[in-house]
C-alpha atoms as a PDB file:
ATOM      1  CA  MET A   1      14.165  27.399  -4.495  1.00  0.00           C
ATOM      2  CA  LYS A   2      11.021  29.066  -5.830  1.00  0.00           C
ATOM      3  CA  LEU A   3       8.799  27.211  -8.254  1.00  0.00           C
ATOM      4  CA  ALA A   4       5.245  27.769  -9.452  1.00  0.00           C
ATOM      5  CA  LEU A   5       2.973  25.839 -11.815  1.00  0.00           C
ATOM      6  CA  ALA A   6      -0.666  25.047 -12.407  1.00  0.00           C
ATOM      7  CA  GLY A   7      -2.158  22.923  -9.627  1.00  0.00           C
ATOM      8  CA  ASP A   8      -3.856  20.498 -12.023  1.00  0.00           C
ATOM      9  CA  VAL A   9      -0.511  19.847 -13.754  1.00  0.00           C
ATOM     10  CA  LEU A  10       1.276  19.098 -10.488  1.00  0.00           C
ATOM     11  CA  GLY A  11      -1.655  17.005  -9.254  1.00  0.00           C
ATOM     12  CA  SER A  12      -1.831  14.900 -12.416  1.00  0.00           C
ATOM     13  CA  ALA A  13       1.939  14.436 -12.528  1.00  0.00           C
ATOM     14  CA  LEU A  14       2.157  13.242  -8.930  1.00  0.00           C
ATOM     15  CA  LYS A  15      -0.897  11.019  -9.414  1.00  0.00           C
ATOM     16  CA  ALA A  16       1.235   9.177 -11.985  1.00  0.00           C
ATOM     17  CA  VAL A  17       3.728   8.413  -9.204  1.00  0.00           C
ATOM     18  CA  SER A  18       1.666   8.004  -6.044  1.00  0.00           C
ATOM     19  CA  GLY A  19      -0.136   4.854  -7.196  1.00  0.00           C
ATOM     20  CA  LEU A  20       3.165   2.957  -7.083  1.00  0.00           C
ATOM     21  CA  ILE A  21       5.401   4.601  -4.502  1.00  0.00           C
ATOM     22  CA  PRO A  22       4.325   6.043  -1.106  1.00  0.00           C
ATOM     23  CA  GLU A  23       7.434   8.222  -0.790  1.00  0.00           C
ATOM     24  CA  ALA A  24       9.286  10.052  -3.536  1.00  0.00           C
ATOM     25  CA  THR A  25      12.549  11.874  -4.044  1.00  0.00           C
ATOM     26  CA  LEU A  26      12.188  14.824  -6.411  1.00  0.00           C
ATOM     27  CA  THR A  27      15.346  15.713  -8.300  1.00  0.00           C
ATOM     28  CA  ILE A  28      15.132  19.371  -9.303  1.00  0.00           C
ATOM     29  CA  ASP A  29      17.711  20.816 -11.703  1.00  0.00           C
ATOM     30  CA  LYS A  30      17.909  23.212 -14.640  1.00  0.00           C
ATOM     31  CA  GLU A  31      15.997  20.755 -16.842  1.00  0.00           C
ATOM     32  CA  GLY A  32      12.997  20.388 -14.528  1.00  0.00           C
ATOM     33  CA  ILE A  33      11.697  17.950 -11.925  1.00  0.00           C
ATOM     34  CA  ARG A  34      12.218  14.215 -12.195  1.00  0.00           C
ATOM     35  CA  VAL A  35      11.141  11.211 -10.143  1.00  0.00           C
ATOM     36  CA  LEU A  36      12.701   7.835 -10.904  1.00  0.00           C
ATOM     37  CA  ASP A  37      12.112   4.972  -8.498  1.00  0.00           C
ATOM     38  CA  MET A  38      11.073   1.361  -7.995  1.00  0.00           C
ATOM     39  CA  ASP A  39       7.914   0.402  -6.148  1.00  0.00           C
ATOM     40  CA  PRO A  40       8.407  -1.303  -2.752  1.00  0.00           C
ATOM     41  CA  SER A  41       7.957  -4.793  -4.234  1.00  0.00           C
ATOM     42  CA  ASN A  42      10.633  -4.126  -6.904  1.00  0.00           C
ATOM     43  CA  VAL A  43       8.473  -5.349  -9.786  1.00  0.00           C
ATOM     44  CA  SER A  44       7.766  -1.942 -11.349  1.00  0.00           C
ATOM     45  CA  MET A  45       9.473   1.381 -11.958  1.00  0.00           C
ATOM     46  CA  VAL A  46       8.130   4.876 -12.627  1.00  0.00           C
ATOM     47  CA  ASN A  47       9.964   7.644 -14.475  1.00  0.00           C
ATOM     48  CA  LEU A  48       8.295  11.073 -14.303  1.00  0.00           C
ATOM     49  CA  SER A  49       9.596  14.261 -15.905  1.00  0.00           C
ATOM     50  CA  ILE A  50       8.104  17.760 -15.595  1.00  0.00           C
ATOM     51  CA  PRO A  51      10.212  20.084 -17.785  1.00  0.00           C
ATOM     52  CA  CYS A  52      11.028  23.572 -16.535  1.00  0.00           C
ATOM     53  CA  SER A  53       9.039  24.995 -19.483  1.00  0.00           C
ATOM     54  CA  SER A  54       5.840  23.805 -17.782  1.00  0.00           C
ATOM     55  CA  PHE A  55       6.403  26.155 -14.832  1.00  0.00           C
ATOM     56  CA  VAL A  56       5.180  29.713 -14.428  1.00  0.00           C
ATOM     57  CA  GLU A  57       8.203  30.403 -12.205  1.00  0.00           C
ATOM     58  CA  TYR A  58      11.360  28.299 -12.023  1.00  0.00           C
ATOM     59  CA  ASP A  59      14.187  29.625  -9.863  1.00  0.00           C
ATOM     60  CA  LEU A  60      16.775  27.365  -8.214  1.00  0.00           C
ATOM     61  CA  GLU A  61      18.422  30.432  -6.683  1.00  0.00           C
ATOM     62  CA  ASN A  62      21.896  29.723  -8.087  1.00  0.00           C
ATOM     63  CA  LYS A  63      21.896  26.058  -7.111  1.00  0.00           C
ATOM     64  CA  GLU A  64      22.698  23.371  -9.665  1.00  0.00           C
ATOM     65  CA  LYS A  65      20.362  20.819  -8.134  1.00  0.00           C
ATOM     66  CA  GLU A  66      18.022  20.163  -5.235  1.00  0.00           C
ATOM     67  CA  GLU A  67      16.879  16.759  -4.034  1.00  0.00           C
ATOM     68  CA  ILE A  68      13.906  16.637  -1.695  1.00  0.00           C
ATOM     69  CA  SER A  69      12.081  13.580  -0.347  1.00  0.00           C
ATOM     70  CA  LEU A  70       8.529  13.596   0.935  1.00  0.00           C
ATOM     71  CA  LYS A  71       5.536  11.422   1.637  1.00  0.00           C
ATOM     72  CA  LEU A  72       3.112  11.592  -1.255  1.00  0.00           C
ATOM     73  CA  THR A  73       0.286  10.965   1.204  1.00  0.00           C
ATOM     74  CA  ASP A  74       1.115  14.394   2.687  1.00  0.00           C
ATOM     75  CA  LEU A  75       1.094  16.106  -0.692  1.00  0.00           C
ATOM     76  CA  THR A  76      -1.763  14.622  -2.725  1.00  0.00           C
ATOM     77  CA  PRO A  77      -4.632  15.689  -0.392  1.00  0.00           C
ATOM     78  CA  ILE A  78      -3.415  19.283  -0.641  1.00  0.00           C
ATOM     79  CA  LEU A  79      -3.319  19.202  -4.437  1.00  0.00           C
ATOM     80  CA  LYS A  80      -6.866  17.863  -4.512  1.00  0.00           C
ATOM     81  CA  ARG A  81      -7.901  21.199  -2.965  1.00  0.00           C
ATOM     82  CA  THR A  82      -6.613  23.138  -5.980  1.00  0.00           C
ATOM     83  CA  LYS A  83      -8.793  24.333  -8.833  1.00  0.00           C
ATOM     84  CA  LYS A  84      -7.742  24.243 -12.472  1.00  0.00           C
ATOM     85  CA  GLU A  85      -7.007  27.970 -12.515  1.00  0.00           C
ATOM     86  CA  ASP A  86      -4.874  27.880  -9.340  1.00  0.00           C
ATOM     87  CA  VAL A  87      -1.123  28.362  -9.585  1.00  0.00           C
ATOM     88  CA  VAL A  88       0.753  26.514  -6.833  1.00  0.00           C
ATOM     89  CA  ALA A  89       3.926  28.135  -5.534  1.00  0.00           C
ATOM     90  CA  LEU A  90       6.530  25.816  -4.016  1.00  0.00           C
ATOM     91  CA  ALA A  91       9.292  26.994  -1.686  1.00  0.00           C
ATOM     92  CA  LEU A  92      11.766  25.275   0.618  1.00  0.00           C
ATOM     93  CA  MET A  93      11.670  26.455   4.215  1.00  0.00           C
ATOM     94  CA  ASP A  94      14.648  26.622   6.580  1.00  0.00           C
ATOM     95  CA  ASP A  95      13.173  23.989   8.907  1.00  0.00           C
ATOM     96  CA  ALA A  96      13.183  21.180   6.305  1.00  0.00           C
ATOM     97  CA  ARG A  97       9.648  21.773   5.144  1.00  0.00           C
ATOM     98  CA  LEU A  98       8.046  22.363   1.766  1.00  0.00           C
ATOM     99  CA  ARG A  99       5.605  25.256   1.536  1.00  0.00           C
ATOM    100  CA  LEU A 100       2.730  25.168  -0.955  1.00  0.00           C
ATOM    101  CA  SER A 101       0.755  28.353  -1.581  1.00  0.00           C
ATOM    102  CA  PHE A 102      -2.306  28.941  -3.778  1.00  0.00           C
ATOM    103  CA  ASP A 103      -5.484  31.031  -3.709  1.00  0.00           C
ATOM    104  CA  GLY A 104      -4.438  32.763  -0.485  1.00  0.00           C
ATOM    105  CA  ARG A 105      -3.880  29.465   1.323  1.00  0.00           C
ATOM    106  CA  ASN A 106      -0.584  28.100   2.614  1.00  0.00           C
ATOM    107  CA  TYR A 107       0.391  24.584   3.584  1.00  0.00           C
ATOM    108  CA  GLU A 108       3.671  23.264   4.940  1.00  0.00           C
ATOM    109  CA  ILE A 109       4.658  19.609   4.923  1.00  0.00           C
ATOM    110  CA  PRO A 110       7.826  18.015   6.335  1.00  0.00           C
ATOM    111  CA  LEU A 111      10.606  16.699   4.184  1.00  0.00           C
ATOM    112  CA  ILE A 112      11.821  13.219   5.049  1.00  0.00           C
ATOM    113  CA  GLU A 113      14.948  11.129   4.779  1.00  0.00           C
ATOM    114  CA  ILE A 114      14.520   7.856   2.918  1.00  0.00           C
ATOM    115  CA  GLU A 115      16.746   5.235   4.522  1.00  0.00           C
ATOM    116  CA  ASP A 116      18.914   3.056   2.289  1.00  0.00           C
ATOM    117  CA  ARG A 117      17.821   4.992  -0.781  1.00  0.00           C
ATOM    118  CA  LYS A 118      19.693   3.772  -3.837  1.00  0.00           C
ATOM    119  CA  GLN A 119      20.409   5.929  -6.855  1.00  0.00           C
ATOM    120  CA  GLN A 120      18.087   4.459  -9.463  1.00  0.00           C
ATOM    121  CA  LYS A 121      18.853   4.073 -13.139  1.00  0.00           C
ATOM    122  CA  GLU A 122      16.343   2.996 -15.738  1.00  0.00           C
ATOM    123  CA  PRO A 123      17.513  -0.260 -17.341  1.00  0.00           C
ATOM    124  CA  GLU A 124      18.106  -0.356 -21.070  1.00  0.00           C
ATOM    125  CA  LEU A 125      15.513  -2.627 -22.676  1.00  0.00           C
ATOM    126  CA  THR A 126      15.320  -4.014 -26.191  1.00  0.00           C
ATOM    127  CA  PRO A 127      11.641  -4.764 -26.868  1.00  0.00           C
ATOM    128  CA  GLU A 128      10.724  -6.660 -30.001  1.00  0.00           C
ATOM    129  CA  TYR A 129       7.355  -5.012 -30.548  1.00  0.00           C
ATOM    130  CA  SER A 130       5.587  -1.781 -29.680  1.00  0.00           C
ATOM    131  CA  VAL A 131       2.167  -0.267 -30.331  1.00  0.00           C
ATOM    132  CA  THR A 132       0.420   2.981 -29.531  1.00  0.00           C
ATOM    133  CA  ILE A 133      -3.216   2.750 -28.424  1.00  0.00           C
ATOM    134  CA  LYS A 134      -5.750   5.150 -26.978  1.00  0.00           C
ATOM    135  CA  THR A 135      -5.594   5.336 -23.197  1.00  0.00           C
ATOM    136  CA  SER A 136      -9.342   4.704 -23.031  1.00  0.00           C
ATOM    137  CA  VAL A 137      -8.925   1.521 -25.081  1.00  0.00           C
ATOM    138  CA  PHE A 138      -6.125   0.349 -22.793  1.00  0.00           C
ATOM    139  CA  LYS A 139      -8.227   0.945 -19.688  1.00  0.00           C
ATOM    140  CA  GLY A 140     -11.209  -0.811 -21.257  1.00  0.00           C
ATOM    141  CA  LEU A 141      -9.175  -3.926 -22.030  1.00  0.00           C
ATOM    142  CA  LEU A 142      -7.941  -4.091 -18.441  1.00  0.00           C
ATOM    143  CA  ASP A 143     -11.494  -3.774 -17.149  1.00  0.00           C
ATOM    144  CA  ASP A 144     -12.679  -6.527 -19.507  1.00  0.00           C
ATOM    145  CA  ALA A 145      -9.853  -8.892 -18.567  1.00  0.00           C
ATOM    146  CA  SER A 146     -10.266  -8.296 -14.826  1.00  0.00           C
ATOM    147  CA  ILE A 147     -13.682  -9.972 -14.971  1.00  0.00           C
ATOM    148  CA  VAL A 148     -12.018 -13.361 -15.534  1.00  0.00           C
ATOM    149  CA  SER A 149      -8.439 -13.050 -14.215  1.00  0.00           C
ATOM    150  CA  ASP A 150      -5.936 -10.975 -12.260  1.00  0.00           C
ATOM    151  CA  SER A 151      -3.495 -10.974 -15.195  1.00  0.00           C
ATOM    152  CA  ILE A 152      -3.610 -10.091 -18.875  1.00  0.00           C
ATOM    153  CA  ALA A 153      -1.474 -11.387 -21.743  1.00  0.00           C
ATOM    154  CA  PHE A 154      -0.496  -9.460 -24.860  1.00  0.00           C
ATOM    155  CA  ASN A 155      -0.136 -11.762 -27.849  1.00  0.00           C
ATOM    156  CA  LYS A 156       0.997 -10.809 -31.325  1.00  0.00           C
ATOM    157  CA  LYS A 157       1.177 -13.901 -33.523  1.00  0.00           C
ATOM    158  CA  GLU A 158       3.142 -14.095 -36.769  1.00  0.00           C
ATOM    159  CA  LYS A 159       1.645 -11.721 -39.374  1.00  0.00           C
ATOM    160  CA  ALA A 160      -1.428 -11.272 -37.156  1.00  0.00           C
ATOM    161  CA  GLU A 161      -2.983  -8.443 -35.194  1.00  0.00           C
ATOM    162  CA  LEU A 162      -2.320  -7.858 -31.519  1.00  0.00           C
ATOM    163  CA  LYS A 163      -4.720  -9.582 -29.126  1.00  0.00           C
ATOM    164  CA  VAL A 164      -5.144  -9.597 -25.381  1.00  0.00           C
ATOM    165  CA  LEU A 165      -5.953 -12.773 -23.473  1.00  0.00           C
ATOM    166  CA  ALA A 166      -7.076 -13.526 -19.935  1.00  0.00           C
ATOM    167  CA  GLU A 167      -7.895 -16.855 -18.370  1.00  0.00           C
ATOM    168  CA  GLY A 168      -9.278 -17.859 -14.971  1.00  0.00           C
ATOM    169  CA  GLU A 169     -10.148 -21.275 -13.607  1.00  0.00           C
ATOM    170  CA  LEU A 170     -13.338 -21.539 -15.661  1.00  0.00           C
ATOM    171  CA  LYS A 171     -13.574 -18.282 -17.608  1.00  0.00           C
ATOM    172  CA  LYS A 172     -11.674 -16.886 -20.583  1.00  0.00           C
ATOM    173  CA  PHE A 173     -11.498 -13.554 -22.381  1.00  0.00           C
ATOM    174  CA  ASP A 174      -9.815 -12.433 -25.596  1.00  0.00           C
ATOM    175  CA  SER A 175     -10.045  -9.373 -27.790  1.00  0.00           C
ATOM    176  CA  LEU A 176      -8.312  -7.748 -30.729  1.00  0.00           C
ATOM    177  CA  VAL A 177      -6.564  -4.503 -29.810  1.00  0.00           C
ATOM    178  CA  ASN A 178      -7.528  -1.352 -31.694  1.00  0.00           C
ATOM    179  CA  VAL A 179      -4.044  -0.021 -32.478  1.00  0.00           C
ATOM    180  CA  GLU A 180      -3.336   3.595 -33.437  1.00  0.00           C
ATOM    181  CA  SER A 181       0.187   2.932 -34.722  1.00  0.00           C
ATOM    182  CA  THR A 182       2.976   0.351 -34.561  1.00  0.00           C
ATOM    183  CA  PRO A 183       6.309   2.076 -33.830  1.00  0.00           C
ATOM    184  CA  LYS A 184       8.117  -1.284 -33.881  1.00  0.00           C
ATOM    185  CA  SER A 185       6.857  -4.386 -35.644  1.00  0.00           C
ATOM    186  CA  THR A 186       8.066  -7.974 -35.886  1.00  0.00           C
ATOM    187  CA  GLU A 187       7.209 -11.111 -37.825  1.00  0.00           C
ATOM    188  CA  LYS A 188       7.902 -13.236 -34.736  1.00  0.00           C
ATOM    189  CA  GLU A 189       5.250 -14.267 -32.250  1.00  0.00           C
ATOM    190  CA  VAL A 190       5.339 -12.189 -29.072  1.00  0.00           C
ATOM    191  CA  LEU A 191       3.540 -13.251 -25.887  1.00  0.00           C
ATOM    192  CA  SER A 192       3.877 -11.821 -22.398  1.00  0.00           C
ATOM    193  CA  LYS A 193       1.638 -11.651 -19.312  1.00  0.00           C
ATOM    194  CA  TYR A 194       1.338  -8.906 -16.682  1.00  0.00           C
ATOM    195  CA  SER A 195      -0.508  -8.108 -13.456  1.00  0.00           C
ATOM    196  CA  ILE A 196      -3.756  -6.198 -13.977  1.00  0.00           C
ATOM    197  CA  GLU A 197      -3.470  -4.689 -10.487  1.00  0.00           C
ATOM    198  CA  TYR A 198      -0.201  -2.994 -11.405  1.00  0.00           C
ATOM    199  CA  LEU A 199      -1.299  -2.017 -14.916  1.00  0.00           C
ATOM    200  CA  ASN A 200      -4.365  -0.278 -13.472  1.00  0.00           C
ATOM    201  CA  LYS A 201      -1.989   1.995 -11.547  1.00  0.00           C
ATOM    202  CA  MET A 202      -0.313   2.901 -14.834  1.00  0.00           C
ATOM    203  CA  VAL A 203      -3.289   4.003 -16.916  1.00  0.00           C
ATOM    204  CA  SER A 204      -5.139   7.329 -16.813  1.00  0.00           C
ATOM    205  CA  LYS A 205      -6.266   9.938 -19.339  1.00  0.00           C
ATOM    206  CA  ASP A 206      -4.564  12.444 -17.015  1.00  0.00           C
ATOM    207  CA  PHE A 207      -1.218  11.066 -18.203  1.00  0.00           C
ATOM    208  CA  GLY A 208      -1.966  11.306 -21.928  1.00  0.00           C
ATOM    209  CA  SER A 209      -4.600  10.461 -24.522  1.00  0.00           C
ATOM    210  CA  THR A 210      -2.468   7.629 -25.925  1.00  0.00           C
ATOM    211  CA  ALA A 211      -0.139   5.040 -24.402  1.00  0.00           C
ATOM    212  CA  THR A 212       2.774   3.329 -26.120  1.00  0.00           C
ATOM    213  CA  LEU A 213       3.335  -0.273 -25.034  1.00  0.00           C
ATOM    214  CA  ALA A 214       6.706  -1.906 -25.789  1.00  0.00           C
ATOM    215  CA  PHE A 215       7.460  -5.508 -24.878  1.00  0.00           C
ATOM    216  CA  ALA A 216       8.806  -8.899 -25.935  1.00  0.00           C
ATOM    217  CA  THR A 217       8.095 -12.497 -24.969  1.00  0.00           C
ATOM    218  CA  ASP A 218       8.252 -12.977 -21.167  1.00  0.00           C
ATOM    219  CA  TYR A 219       9.852  -9.546 -20.955  1.00  0.00           C
ATOM    220  CA  PRO A 220       9.221  -6.324 -19.021  1.00  0.00           C
ATOM    221  CA  ILE A 221       6.671  -4.003 -20.581  1.00  0.00           C
ATOM    222  CA  LYS A 222       7.344  -0.278 -20.948  1.00  0.00           C
ATOM    223  CA  ILE A 223       4.303   1.991 -20.960  1.00  0.00           C
ATOM    224  CA  SER A 224       4.917   5.587 -22.036  1.00  0.00           C
ATOM    225  CA  TYR A 225       2.728   8.693 -21.996  1.00  0.00           C
ATOM    226  CA  LYS A 226       3.384  12.256 -23.075  1.00  0.00           C
ATOM    227  CA  ASN A 227       1.271  15.389 -22.853  1.00  0.00           C
ATOM    228  CA  ASP A 228       1.881  19.123 -23.137  1.00  0.00           C
ATOM    229  CA  THR A 229       3.155  19.515 -19.573  1.00  0.00           C
ATOM    230  CA  PHE A 230       4.879  16.300 -18.429  1.00  0.00           C
ATOM    231  CA  SER A 231       5.846  12.800 -19.496  1.00  0.00           C
ATOM    232  CA  VAL A 232       5.746   9.548 -17.580  1.00  0.00           C
ATOM    233  CA  SER A 233       6.791   5.993 -18.324  1.00  0.00           C
ATOM    234  CA  TYR A 234       6.527   2.750 -16.409  1.00  0.00           C
ATOM    235  CA  LEU A 235       8.315  -0.581 -16.422  1.00  0.00           C
ATOM    236  CA  LEU A 236       6.596  -3.733 -15.190  1.00  0.00           C
ATOM    237  CA  ALA A 237       8.091  -7.192 -14.848  1.00  0.00           C
ATOM    238  CA  PRO A 238       6.245 -10.022 -16.603  1.00  0.00           C
ATOM    239  CA  ARG A 239       4.389 -12.855 -14.925  1.00  0.00           C
ATOM    240  CA  ILE A 240       6.092 -16.078 -15.908  1.00  0.00           C
ATOM    241  CA  GLU A 241       4.322 -19.305 -15.115  1.00  0.00           C
ATOM    242  CA  SER A 242       6.447 -21.888 -13.336  1.00  0.00           C
END
């Protein structure tokens, strides 16, 4: 296997994964690289895809597919050493190691075996409502809500605009959401609450300038990003008050 792509692309793509999962299995086939896995607490899922068209070199050397597992804590510090103009070459070594080469420097990190790894499949969801907002707006709302609570609620009332709500013991916050578009609308009221800690791991301009949020009442939220070089989506279970 011989692959090569821009270091900032690989770094941004793996940043989208490393906030949720400490170890990752990369599935590499003729379509590109994909990571699909649950976080250790099983409340969120990440689905990353880097298409083969984003690579400078993409050679599986006559293999249909490769699956390699590694610790992201081994990989991310190396990618932080790359500059935007660097091209990172990836190659599998005979001693179960991954070699990364760029700007005359070479690193090798061990591959690992993930015990009891289950083949993941993204569940089919049927959200009632979805909106696309600027990533910067999304991040700003999370920062605002975190002042008063560790969770944020998305509330779309009948024939009304989308609002976010947060409530602590003594403090409250609410704000209208500046929406770019509404891919799926509904006349029903929709209300669902999510962890700000997890959502903060799912928002970055590195993933895309806009985020599409799809959800329903007390239902998992799907957050999707797309840019010119990779796409990533997340699922997060709702917080339901007992």
